[in-house]
């Protein structure tokens, strides 16, 4: 029996080492942005932030290979879940597929030497107003890489510890770099100033965060138990220069541990990210703004455009949504459509009010989808959508909805009740990447149970005789 236990212990040890390749290759030799700002000019962090992200799925030239839509949805949901509890949230600006054999087989991406937030030598279909996330195939790369600390682009793909990196917490690890975080072992196992166990130099050394213990290890973890195996990086002992024994936290997203051991950010890491977001020039353009104005733009056929704001969107004259084009407006409080705006017959124009990107609980958000077949105001079904007078769409749902429709409980385990189903024609469920994962027209009672494979953050679109209403729902 002792031999069996001994063999099992050796097997666990070698398992943790065998899959211990560095799953992150973000360069550590980046100066601390907060130390470069004088105290008099350093802005205090805000309570919450919403950040645009754009997903790029890398495929072969013939359209095969790469992440599946289910894997992409898992990646987006994992990212949202890991950050939203800290009021750092993400608005999905869009998703595309980049079909190119050269890019599919690429393994070198360079750095951001010109300080624009993007990779200098790799930026296909990049967006100045979003953090570009390039998802490579599960058999490629075997690492994640952020363009900088902070930065506005990252690549990720392959596997480590038997886990697909792109749809794991390693994606949140790379996003942590983009938002200003360093590895917990910074200064000990990589370039930097060594942090002491007593924390006396924690703001100047290590990862510059004082509630993350000094970490002397990379991958030295008993994978089955998520505990440190008391081994340190090459050239690093188990005690610091004062003789104090290291006690690293093996459950932090920014540590080098198996992805299933990654569980959270500390309060100090969250505060650092928010402070970096507030003070970094490269991150300002990727933030969802309080108010925006849209003017003089033509959305062409087969083009999809989305604008969002925390408070108000004002659409001025000269904005035209062509046949076959999609325009989505999403605001926290109000959307104003001024004279001269036009959505022609056959276009798809969607308005969302009060649906928060930074809230795990659903709000009563109302969506009007105007596709040329529905009336809006005094317009007939076949006339273009246009306005002679300024039209305001407020957040007040009761002013627009004839019936108040609610989902309870929310979040839920896939079984829930929808109130006021008397006039429902159809209910559809969409994941975060816009994929319809379930729909039903057979609505006989208010109790609905989803299939077991439908999980995560969903948008529930309810079609009645008079309106289309969308609400956000979390299924765990």
Protein backbone atom coordinates (compact mmCIF):
# COMPACT_ATOMS: atom_id res chain seq x y z
CA UNK A 1 0.00 0.00 0.00
CA UNK A 2 2.88 2.39 0.84
CA UNK A 3 4.39 1.69 -2.57
CA UNK A 4 1.10 2.56 -4.25
CA UNK A 5 0.82 5.86 -2.33
CA UNK A 6 4.45 6.68 -3.09
CA UNK A 7 3.93 5.94 -6.80
CA UNK A 8 0.78 8.10 -6.86
CA UNK A 9 2.66 11.01 -5.25
CA UNK A 10 5.48 10.72 -7.79
CA UNK A 11 2.89 10.58 -10.60
CA UNK A 12 1.25 13.80 -9.38
CA UNK A 13 4.63 15.51 -9.14
CA UNK A 14 5.62 14.59 -12.69
CA UNK A 15 2.14 15.49 -13.96
CA UNK A 16 2.53 19.02 -12.61
CA UNK A 17 5.99 19.34 -14.17
CA UNK A 18 5.17 17.66 -17.50
CA UNK A 19 2.54 20.26 -18.35
CA UNK A 20 4.41 23.21 -16.88
CA UNK A 21 5.28 25.06 -20.06
CA UNK A 22 5.00 28.83 -19.75
CA UNK A 23 1.48 29.49 -21.00
CA UNK A 24 2.12 33.25 -20.99
CA UNK A 25 4.94 34.92 -22.91
CA UNK A 26 4.01 38.55 -22.23
CA UNK A 27 7.24 40.49 -21.84
CA UNK A 28 7.96 41.38 -18.19
CA UNK A 29 10.52 44.10 -18.97
CA UNK A 30 7.93 46.89 -19.01
CA UNK A 31 8.20 49.80 -16.61
CA UNK A 32 5.45 50.34 -14.08
CA UNK A 33 3.13 52.89 -15.68
CA UNK A 34 1.86 54.17 -12.31
CA UNK A 35 5.40 54.96 -11.11
CA UNK A 36 5.94 57.11 -14.20
CA UNK A 37 3.07 59.44 -13.26
CA UNK A 38 3.70 62.11 -10.65
CA UNK A 39 1.44 61.89 -7.56
CA UNK A 40 -0.09 65.27 -8.38
CA UNK A 41 -1.20 64.04 -11.81
CA UNK A 42 -2.27 60.51 -10.85
CA UNK A 43 -6.05 60.18 -11.17
CA UNK A 44 -8.05 58.20 -8.63
CA UNK A 45 -9.78 55.07 -9.89
CA UNK A 46 -13.48 55.01 -10.63
CA UNK A 47 -16.07 52.54 -9.34
CA UNK A 48 -16.77 50.75 -12.61
CA UNK A 49 -15.59 50.55 -16.21
CA UNK A 50 -16.99 49.01 -19.39
CA UNK A 51 -14.41 48.09 -22.03
CA UNK A 52 -14.94 47.31 -25.71
CA UNK A 53 -13.55 43.99 -26.90
CA UNK A 54 -13.44 42.61 -30.43
CA UNK A 55 -13.05 38.86 -31.02
CA UNK A 56 -11.08 37.58 -34.02
CA UNK A 57 -11.35 33.84 -34.75
CA UNK A 58 -8.27 32.66 -36.67
CA UNK A 59 -8.98 30.00 -39.31
CA UNK A 60 -7.25 28.43 -42.29
CA UNK A 61 -7.68 30.05 -45.71
CA UNK A 62 -10.36 27.49 -46.61
CA UNK A 63 -12.40 28.45 -43.54
CA UNK A 64 -11.65 25.32 -41.51
CA UNK A 65 -9.85 24.98 -38.18
CA UNK A 66 -9.84 27.32 -35.24
CA UNK A 67 -12.14 27.79 -32.29
CA UNK A 68 -15.73 26.58 -32.51
CA UNK A 69 -18.54 29.03 -31.75
CA UNK A 70 -19.21 27.11 -28.54
CA UNK A 71 -15.59 27.56 -27.48
CA UNK A 72 -15.72 31.27 -28.35
CA UNK A 73 -18.88 31.66 -26.29
CA UNK A 74 -17.18 29.89 -23.36
CA UNK A 75 -14.20 32.22 -23.70
CA UNK A 76 -16.36 35.36 -23.65
CA UNK A 77 -18.45 34.11 -20.71
CA UNK A 78 -15.33 33.16 -18.73
CA UNK A 79 -13.85 36.62 -19.25
CA UNK A 80 -17.09 38.35 -18.25
CA UNK A 81 -17.56 36.20 -15.16
CA UNK A 82 -13.98 36.66 -13.92
CA UNK A 83 -14.16 40.47 -14.15
CA UNK A 84 -17.79 41.57 -13.76
CA UNK A 85 -17.88 40.89 -10.02
CA UNK A 86 -15.28 43.67 -9.73
CA UNK A 87 -17.24 46.11 -11.91
CA UNK A 88 -14.76 45.76 -14.75
CA UNK A 89 -16.97 44.71 -17.61
CA UNK A 90 -16.85 44.12 -21.34
CA UNK A 91 -18.98 45.16 -24.28
CA UNK A 92 -18.59 42.87 -27.28
CA UNK A 93 -18.08 45.25 -30.20
CA UNK A 94 -18.06 42.42 -32.74
CA UNK A 95 -16.69 39.09 -33.94
CA UNK A 96 -14.99 38.25 -37.22
CA UNK A 97 -13.22 35.29 -38.80
CA UNK A 98 -9.75 35.85 -40.23
CA UNK A 99 -9.15 33.15 -42.84
CA UNK A 100 -5.46 33.11 -43.71
CA UNK A 101 -3.02 30.18 -43.63
CA UNK A 102 -0.05 32.43 -42.87
CA UNK A 103 -1.79 33.93 -39.85
CA UNK A 104 -3.15 30.53 -38.78
CA UNK A 105 0.41 29.16 -38.63
CA UNK A 106 1.98 32.27 -37.14
CA UNK A 107 3.82 31.98 -33.81
CA UNK A 108 5.69 35.32 -33.46
CA UNK A 109 3.88 38.60 -32.86
CA UNK A 110 6.42 41.12 -31.61
CA UNK A 111 5.70 43.80 -29.04
CA UNK A 112 4.27 47.30 -28.83
CA UNK A 113 7.36 49.45 -29.26
CA UNK A 114 5.48 52.48 -30.63
CA UNK A 115 3.18 52.59 -27.57
CA UNK A 116 -0.11 52.58 -29.46
CA UNK A 117 -1.41 49.56 -27.53
CA UNK A 118 -1.29 47.12 -30.49
CA UNK A 119 1.36 44.64 -31.67
CA UNK A 120 3.70 46.50 -34.02
CA UNK A 121 4.00 43.60 -36.49
CA UNK A 122 0.61 41.90 -36.07
CA UNK A 123 -2.66 43.84 -36.24
CA UNK A 124 -5.09 42.31 -38.79
CA UNK A 125 -8.55 43.94 -38.64
CA UNK A 126 -7.52 45.82 -35.50
CA UNK A 127 -9.81 48.33 -33.78
CA UNK A 128 -8.62 51.53 -32.16
CA UNK A 129 -11.70 51.55 -29.91
CA UNK A 130 -11.45 47.99 -28.60
CA UNK A 131 -9.09 45.45 -27.10
CA UNK A 132 -8.51 43.04 -29.98
CA UNK A 133 -8.59 39.39 -28.87
CA UNK A 134 -7.14 36.97 -31.42
CA UNK A 135 -8.25 33.39 -30.72
CA UNK A 136 -5.98 30.79 -32.34
CA UNK A 137 -6.69 27.08 -32.74
CA UNK A 138 -6.29 24.66 -29.84
CA UNK A 139 -3.34 23.00 -31.61
CA UNK A 140 -1.47 26.30 -32.16
CA UNK A 141 0.74 28.55 -30.00
CA UNK A 142 0.30 26.90 -26.58
CA UNK A 143 0.53 30.33 -24.97
CA UNK A 144 -1.10 33.69 -24.49
CA UNK A 145 0.55 37.04 -25.14
CA UNK A 146 -0.55 40.60 -24.38
CA UNK A 147 0.78 43.44 -26.52
CA UNK A 148 1.93 45.31 -23.45
CA UNK A 149 1.34 46.16 -19.78
CA UNK A 150 -1.03 47.85 -20.37
CA UNK A 151 -2.06 47.07 -23.96
CA UNK A 152 -5.05 46.80 -26.28
CA UNK A 153 -4.41 43.50 -28.04
CA UNK A 154 -3.74 39.89 -27.09
CA UNK A 155 -3.31 36.53 -28.78
CA UNK A 156 -4.06 33.16 -27.22
CA UNK A 157 -4.31 29.56 -28.39
CA UNK A 158 -3.17 26.00 -27.83
CA UNK A 159 -3.16 24.00 -24.62
CA UNK A 160 -1.43 23.74 -21.25
CA UNK A 161 -2.15 21.32 -18.40
CA UNK A 162 -4.51 19.54 -20.81
CA UNK A 163 -6.70 22.67 -21.01
CA UNK A 164 -7.69 24.75 -24.04
CA UNK A 165 -6.16 28.10 -23.12
CA UNK A 166 -8.48 30.35 -25.14
CA UNK A 167 -11.57 29.27 -23.22
CA UNK A 168 -9.88 29.10 -19.80
CA UNK A 169 -8.90 31.56 -17.06
CA UNK A 170 -5.62 32.10 -18.92
CA UNK A 171 -7.61 34.49 -21.15
CA UNK A 172 -8.40 36.50 -18.00
CA UNK A 173 -4.69 36.31 -17.11
CA UNK A 174 -3.75 37.94 -20.43
CA UNK A 175 -6.50 40.53 -20.06
CA UNK A 176 -4.99 41.30 -16.64
CA UNK A 177 -1.75 42.24 -18.41
CA UNK A 178 -3.70 44.47 -20.83
CA UNK A 179 -5.18 46.25 -17.81
CA UNK A 180 -1.84 46.76 -16.05
CA UNK A 181 -1.15 43.65 -13.95
CA UNK A 182 2.17 41.82 -13.71
CA UNK A 183 2.84 38.19 -12.78
CA UNK A 184 2.73 37.48 -9.07
CA UNK A 185 6.35 36.23 -9.35
CA UNK A 186 7.53 39.44 -11.04
CA UNK A 187 10.99 40.33 -9.70
CA UNK A 188 11.70 36.83 -8.43
CA UNK A 189 11.25 34.50 -11.40
CA UNK A 190 11.54 37.20 -14.05
CA UNK A 191 12.89 40.71 -14.59
CA UNK A 192 12.22 43.15 -11.77
CA UNK A 193 12.85 44.05 -8.14
CA UNK A 194 12.48 41.18 -5.63
CA UNK A 195 9.58 41.55 -3.22
CA UNK A 196 10.13 40.74 0.46
CA UNK A 197 7.83 38.40 2.35
CA UNK A 198 7.00 41.05 4.98
CA UNK A 199 5.66 43.33 2.22
CA UNK A 200 7.83 46.27 3.25
CA UNK A 201 8.73 46.99 -0.40
CA UNK A 202 5.49 45.73 -2.00
CA UNK A 203 4.58 49.00 -3.71
CA UNK A 204 7.99 49.33 -5.40
CA UNK A 205 8.89 45.69 -6.10
CA UNK A 206 7.34 42.40 -7.16
CA UNK A 207 3.98 42.89 -8.92
CA UNK A 208 3.49 46.30 -7.22
CA UNK A 209 0.41 44.98 -5.38
CA UNK A 210 0.59 44.69 -1.60
CA UNK A 211 -2.07 42.03 -0.92
CA UNK A 212 -0.50 39.44 -3.26
CA UNK A 213 2.17 37.48 -1.35
CA UNK A 214 5.69 37.38 -2.76
CA UNK A 215 5.73 34.43 -5.17
CA UNK A 216 8.96 32.45 -5.84
CA UNK A 217 7.46 29.77 -8.09
CA UNK A 218 6.40 29.02 -11.67
CA UNK A 219 4.36 25.85 -12.19
CA UNK A 220 5.62 24.30 -8.95
CA UNK A 221 2.12 23.22 -7.96
CA UNK A 222 0.57 19.93 -6.96
CA UNK A 223 -2.02 20.07 -9.71
CA UNK A 224 -4.54 17.74 -8.07
CA UNK A 225 -4.67 19.78 -4.86
CA UNK A 226 -3.66 23.29 -6.04
CA UNK A 227 -0.94 23.56 -3.40
CA UNK A 228 2.66 24.74 -3.65
CA UNK A 229 5.15 21.87 -3.70
CA UNK A 230 7.81 24.02 -1.91
CA UNK A 231 10.01 24.20 -5.02
CA UNK A 232 11.09 27.60 -6.35
CA UNK A 233 12.33 29.05 -9.63
CA UNK A 234 15.93 28.42 -10.65
CA UNK A 235 18.24 30.54 -8.52
CA UNK A 236 15.51 31.40 -5.99
CA UNK A 237 15.40 29.82 -2.54
CA UNK A 238 12.34 29.24 -0.37
CA UNK A 239 13.24 32.17 1.88
CA UNK A 240 13.84 35.85 1.09
CA UNK A 241 16.94 37.86 2.01
CA UNK A 242 15.56 38.39 5.50
CA UNK A 243 15.20 34.64 6.03
CA UNK A 244 11.39 34.74 5.87
CA UNK A 245 9.69 31.77 4.20
CA UNK A 246 7.63 32.41 1.08
CA UNK A 247 3.91 31.55 1.14
CA UNK A 248 2.63 32.17 -2.42
CA UNK A 249 -1.06 32.28 -3.22
CA UNK A 250 -1.71 29.46 -5.71
CA UNK A 251 -5.26 30.58 -6.57
CA UNK A 252 -4.57 33.93 -8.25
CA UNK A 253 -5.27 34.53 -11.94
CA UNK A 254 -1.87 36.19 -12.42
CA UNK A 255 0.17 33.27 -11.03
CA UNK A 256 1.71 30.45 -13.08
CA UNK A 257 -0.55 27.64 -11.90
CA UNK A 258 -2.85 25.14 -13.64
CA UNK A 259 -5.85 27.00 -15.09
CA UNK A 260 -8.27 25.11 -12.86
CA UNK A 261 -6.42 26.49 -9.81
CA UNK A 262 -6.95 30.10 -10.94
CA UNK A 263 -9.85 31.54 -8.97
CA UNK A 264 -9.69 35.28 -8.36
CA UNK A 265 -8.06 38.70 -8.32
CA UNK A 266 -7.21 40.32 -4.99
CA UNK A 267 -8.69 43.67 -3.97
CA UNK A 268 -5.29 45.23 -4.57
CA UNK A 269 -5.09 43.83 -8.10
CA UNK A 270 -8.57 45.16 -8.86
CA UNK A 271 -7.64 48.60 -7.53
CA UNK A 272 -4.47 48.61 -9.62
CA UNK A 273 -6.37 47.67 -12.79
CA UNK A 274 -8.92 50.43 -12.23
CA UNK A 275 -6.18 52.97 -11.54
CA UNK A 276 -4.33 51.93 -14.70
CA UNK A 277 -7.55 52.14 -16.73
CA UNK A 278 -8.12 55.66 -15.42
CA UNK A 279 -4.57 56.83 -16.15
CA UNK A 280 -3.41 54.92 -19.25
CA UNK A 281 -3.65 56.84 -22.51
CA UNK A 282 -3.86 53.68 -24.65
CA UNK A 283 -6.87 52.43 -22.69
CA UNK A 284 -8.96 55.60 -22.97
CA UNK A 285 -10.16 54.86 -26.51
CA UNK A 286 -11.38 51.36 -25.62
CA UNK A 287 -13.67 52.54 -22.83
CA UNK A 288 -17.42 52.79 -23.34
CA UNK A 289 -18.12 56.52 -22.95
CA UNK A 290 -20.91 58.15 -20.96
CA UNK A 291 -22.43 59.93 -23.97
CA UNK A 292 -21.78 59.75 -27.70
CA UNK A 293 -23.02 61.49 -30.86
CA UNK A 294 -23.38 59.62 -34.17
CA UNK A 295 -23.56 61.73 -37.32
CA UNK A 296 -22.86 61.68 -41.06
CA UNK A 297 -22.45 57.93 -41.50
CA UNK A 298 -23.72 55.43 -44.04
CA UNK A 299 -23.98 51.81 -42.85
CA UNK A 300 -23.58 49.84 -46.06
CA UNK A 301 -25.22 46.57 -47.08
CA UNK A 302 -23.88 43.51 -45.20
CA UNK A 303 -22.11 45.83 -42.76
CA UNK A 304 -22.86 45.55 -39.04
CA UNK A 305 -22.20 48.52 -36.76
CA UNK A 306 -22.75 48.87 -33.02
CA UNK A 307 -22.60 51.97 -30.83
CA UNK A 308 -22.99 51.93 -27.08
CA UNK A 309 -22.89 54.47 -24.27
CA UNK A 310 -23.36 54.34 -20.53
CA UNK A 311 -25.93 57.15 -20.62
CA UNK A 312 -27.05 58.75 -23.90
CA UNK A 313 -26.68 58.18 -27.64
CA UNK A 314 -27.71 61.00 -29.96
CA UNK A 315 -28.11 60.11 -33.65
CA UNK A 316 -27.94 63.21 -35.82
CA UNK A 317 -28.76 63.86 -39.47
CA UNK A 318 -26.84 62.15 -42.23
CA UNK A 319 -26.98 58.68 -40.70
CA UNK A 320 -28.35 56.12 -43.16
CA UNK A 321 -28.83 52.37 -42.60
CA UNK A 322 -28.83 50.71 -46.03
CA UNK A 323 -30.77 47.64 -47.14
CA UNK A 324 -29.11 44.54 -45.71
CA UNK A 325 -27.15 46.57 -43.14
CA UNK A 326 -27.31 46.28 -39.36
CA UNK A 327 -27.13 49.17 -36.88
CA UNK A 328 -27.36 48.47 -33.16
CA UNK A 329 -27.63 51.26 -30.59
CA UNK A 330 -27.23 50.37 -26.91
CA UNK A 331 -27.49 52.98 -24.16
CA UNK A 332 -27.93 52.88 -20.42
CA UNK A 333 -30.46 55.70 -20.18
CA UNK A 334 -31.74 57.27 -23.39
CA UNK A 335 -31.38 57.26 -27.20
CA UNK A 336 -32.28 60.37 -29.23
CA UNK A 337 -33.00 60.03 -32.95
CA UNK A 338 -32.89 63.44 -34.63
CA UNK A 339 -34.39 64.47 -38.01
CA UNK A 340 -32.35 63.24 -40.96
CA UNK A 341 -31.73 59.74 -39.59
CA UNK A 342 -33.00 57.03 -41.94
CA UNK A 343 -33.19 53.23 -41.89
CA UNK A 344 -34.41 52.02 -45.28
CA UNK A 345 -36.66 49.08 -45.99
CA UNK A 346 -34.77 45.80 -45.57
CA UNK A 347 -32.31 47.16 -43.00
CA UNK A 348 -32.04 45.93 -39.42
CA UNK A 349 -32.05 48.65 -36.78
CA UNK A 350 -31.98 47.61 -33.11
CA UNK A 351 -32.28 49.84 -30.06
CA UNK A 352 -31.45 48.60 -26.54
CA UNK A 353 -31.99 50.72 -23.44
CA UNK A 354 -31.10 49.88 -19.87
CA UNK A 355 -29.30 46.59 -20.55
CA UNK A 356 -26.10 46.88 -18.53
CA UNK A 357 -22.80 45.32 -19.58
CA UNK A 358 -21.61 45.66 -15.99
CA UNK A 359 -24.32 43.81 -14.13
CA UNK A 360 -24.63 40.09 -13.41
CA UNK A 361 -28.32 40.56 -12.70
CA UNK A 362 -30.71 41.27 -15.52
CA UNK A 363 -32.40 44.60 -16.05
CA UNK A 364 -35.62 45.17 -17.93
CA UNK A 365 -34.14 46.22 -21.25
CA UNK A 366 -36.40 46.99 -24.19
CA UNK A 367 -35.37 46.25 -27.77
CA UNK A 368 -37.16 47.53 -30.88
CA UNK A 369 -36.06 45.67 -34.02
CA UNK A 370 -37.09 47.61 -37.10
CA UNK A 371 -36.54 45.43 -40.16
CA UNK A 372 -38.91 47.00 -42.70
CA UNK A 373 -41.78 44.74 -41.71
CA UNK A 374 -42.74 46.42 -38.46
CA UNK A 375 -44.24 49.83 -37.82
CA UNK A 376 -42.57 52.55 -35.81
CA UNK A 377 -44.47 55.72 -34.98
CA UNK A 378 -46.43 56.84 -38.04
CA UNK A 379 -44.35 54.97 -40.62
CA UNK A 380 -45.97 52.22 -42.64
CA UNK A 381 -44.33 48.82 -43.04
CA UNK A 382 -42.92 49.52 -46.49
CA UNK A 383 -41.77 53.09 -45.90
CA UNK A 384 -38.24 53.99 -44.81
CA UNK A 385 -37.79 54.70 -41.11
CA UNK A 386 -37.18 58.44 -40.78
CA UNK A 387 -38.15 61.30 -38.50
CA UNK A 388 -39.44 64.83 -39.06
CA UNK A 389 -39.16 65.63 -35.35
CA UNK A 390 -36.57 64.55 -32.79
CA UNK A 391 -37.60 61.26 -31.23
CA UNK A 392 -36.49 60.24 -27.75
CA UNK A 393 -36.49 56.63 -26.57
CA UNK A 394 -36.20 56.67 -22.75
CA UNK A 395 -35.09 54.02 -20.31
CA UNK A 396 -38.56 53.87 -18.75
CA UNK A 397 -39.75 50.46 -19.84
CA UNK A 398 -43.31 50.86 -18.61
CA UNK A 399 -43.76 53.88 -20.90
CA UNK A 400 -43.03 51.69 -23.91
CA UNK A 401 -44.15 48.23 -22.89
CA UNK A 402 -47.82 47.39 -22.53
CA UNK A 403 -46.97 44.58 -20.15
CA UNK A 404 -44.16 44.28 -17.62
CA UNK A 405 -42.41 41.00 -18.33
CA UNK A 406 -39.99 39.61 -15.76
CA UNK A 407 -37.80 36.52 -15.39
CA UNK A 408 -37.60 34.86 -11.97
CA UNK A 409 -35.27 33.76 -10.51
CA UNK A 410 -32.38 35.47 -12.26
CA UNK A 411 -29.66 34.15 -12.17
CA UNK A 412 -31.04 30.59 -12.34
CA UNK A 413 -30.05 27.00 -13.08
CA UNK A 414 -31.93 26.83 -16.39
CA UNK A 415 -35.39 26.52 -14.87
CA UNK A 416 -37.32 29.77 -14.43
CA UNK A 417 -40.64 31.56 -14.74
CA UNK A 418 -41.60 34.34 -17.16
CA UNK A 419 -44.56 36.47 -16.10
CA UNK A 420 -47.31 37.77 -18.42
CA UNK A 421 -46.94 35.20 -21.17
CA UNK A 422 -50.51 35.64 -22.44
CA UNK A 423 -49.58 37.23 -25.74
CA UNK A 424 -46.14 35.73 -26.34
CA UNK A 425 -45.54 34.50 -29.88
CA UNK A 426 -41.93 33.35 -29.60
CA UNK A 427 -39.06 33.24 -27.08
CA UNK A 428 -35.44 33.03 -28.25
CA UNK A 429 -32.20 32.67 -26.27
CA UNK A 430 -28.91 34.09 -27.59
CA UNK A 431 -25.42 33.68 -26.17
CA UNK A 432 -22.86 36.49 -25.88
CA UNK A 433 -21.66 36.06 -29.46
CA UNK A 434 -25.17 36.35 -30.92
CA UNK A 435 -25.72 32.63 -31.54
CA UNK A 436 -29.30 31.39 -31.12
CA UNK A 437 -28.91 28.53 -28.64
CA UNK A 438 -32.60 27.77 -28.01
CA UNK A 439 -36.01 28.99 -29.11
CA UNK A 440 -39.61 27.94 -28.66
CA UNK A 441 -43.03 28.89 -29.96
CA UNK A 442 -44.84 26.32 -27.85
CA UNK A 443 -45.57 28.49 -24.84
CA UNK A 444 -48.24 26.81 -22.75
CA UNK A 445 -47.26 27.97 -19.29
CA UNK A 446 -44.90 30.39 -17.59
CA UNK A 447 -42.39 27.74 -16.46
CA UNK A 448 -39.50 27.19 -18.87
CA UNK A 449 -36.62 24.71 -18.62
CA UNK A 450 -33.63 25.06 -20.93
CA UNK A 451 -31.53 22.17 -22.27
CA UNK A 452 -28.62 21.20 -20.01
CA UNK A 453 -26.00 22.52 -22.45
CA UNK A 454 -27.38 26.09 -22.43
CA UNK A 455 -25.33 27.97 -19.82
CA UNK A 456 -23.72 31.35 -19.18
CA UNK A 457 -24.87 34.89 -19.94
CA UNK A 458 -27.87 34.87 -22.26
CA UNK A 459 -30.11 37.44 -23.91
CA UNK A 460 -33.76 36.42 -23.90
CA UNK A 461 -35.73 37.89 -26.80
CA UNK A 462 -39.49 37.75 -26.28
CA UNK A 463 -41.74 38.51 -29.25
CA UNK A 464 -45.33 39.61 -28.62
CA UNK A 465 -48.03 40.91 -30.95
CA UNK A 466 -46.91 44.50 -30.37
CA UNK A 467 -43.24 44.53 -29.47
CA UNK A 468 -39.93 42.74 -29.07
CA UNK A 469 -38.46 42.77 -25.56
CA UNK A 470 -34.98 41.59 -24.63
CA UNK A 471 -33.76 40.81 -21.14
CA UNK A 472 -30.42 39.62 -19.83
CA UNK A 473 -30.29 36.33 -17.92
CA UNK A 474 -27.56 34.32 -16.21
CA UNK A 475 -27.74 30.50 -16.26
CA UNK A 476 -25.23 28.76 -13.99
